[in-house]
């Protein structure tokens, strides 16, 4: 039996590494025509070669989706090469670390441009084509979108905004048969060279993520694909993710107490 994704044209932003790369490989092996995107052209081309060697039908476009001209370029290349768009996955994102009082305006702008403005612009450009295929637009968000957290305040805000965007778009595009989904992801194992931005907006290494509840990028990719195939409005991934969602919704004061105590412990250990 053919996969749901067979012959589907799928654009995945932020797909040179991590979740985006795993998702591209998963869908490519199921017969999708995958369009990769990232800002780092060298990494992007290396990923494109890796997917082609695995038998995937794939092209790539290097560009910054917070720039309208790059959004236009990505859409144009996709249509020129494949003639349609079935699925857009807004996956590209960047996180940060720092106390609110120390954050530079440059950092704030960079986070919102990448995490919020970029997926909005690209989705606007893609809607006319996805109307034709009655396809999907997906936003990759985070558990951090469910409530504000210390040291990643602007990241939380930028991801919270995607919830409002997805909810508004879902109602607007319902008559057109478009699926609008959002996926909330928790801690995921990352590559050794994964970076976040410091208070000045300068990339620093994220460091190793340990813990029994850390998700693999392959598991996350599978859950994302299920959201699209089942045309779900919202997906929260993982046991810890669903517990966090439950506490956030029904016991917000308890969750805030837990987070506050955790922050105090971190500060004491760092002295």
Foldseek 3Di string as FASTA:
>chain_A
DADPLAAAEEEEEPCLFFLNVLLQLVSQVSHHQYEYEEQPVVSRVVSVVVSVVVVGNYDYAHDQLLDLVSLVVSVVVSCVVRVAHAEYELDWAAFEFDAPVLADPVQLVVRLSGLANRLVSNCVVRVVRNLVVLHEYEYEAALLCLDPAGGGRSNNVSRVVVLVVLVVVCVVCVVSNYQRAYEHEYAAFGDQQDWHAYRHGDTDTPDGDDDPFHHYSNQVSVQVVVCRVVSPHYYQDTPVRVVSVVCSVPPVVVVVVVSVVVVVVVVVVVD
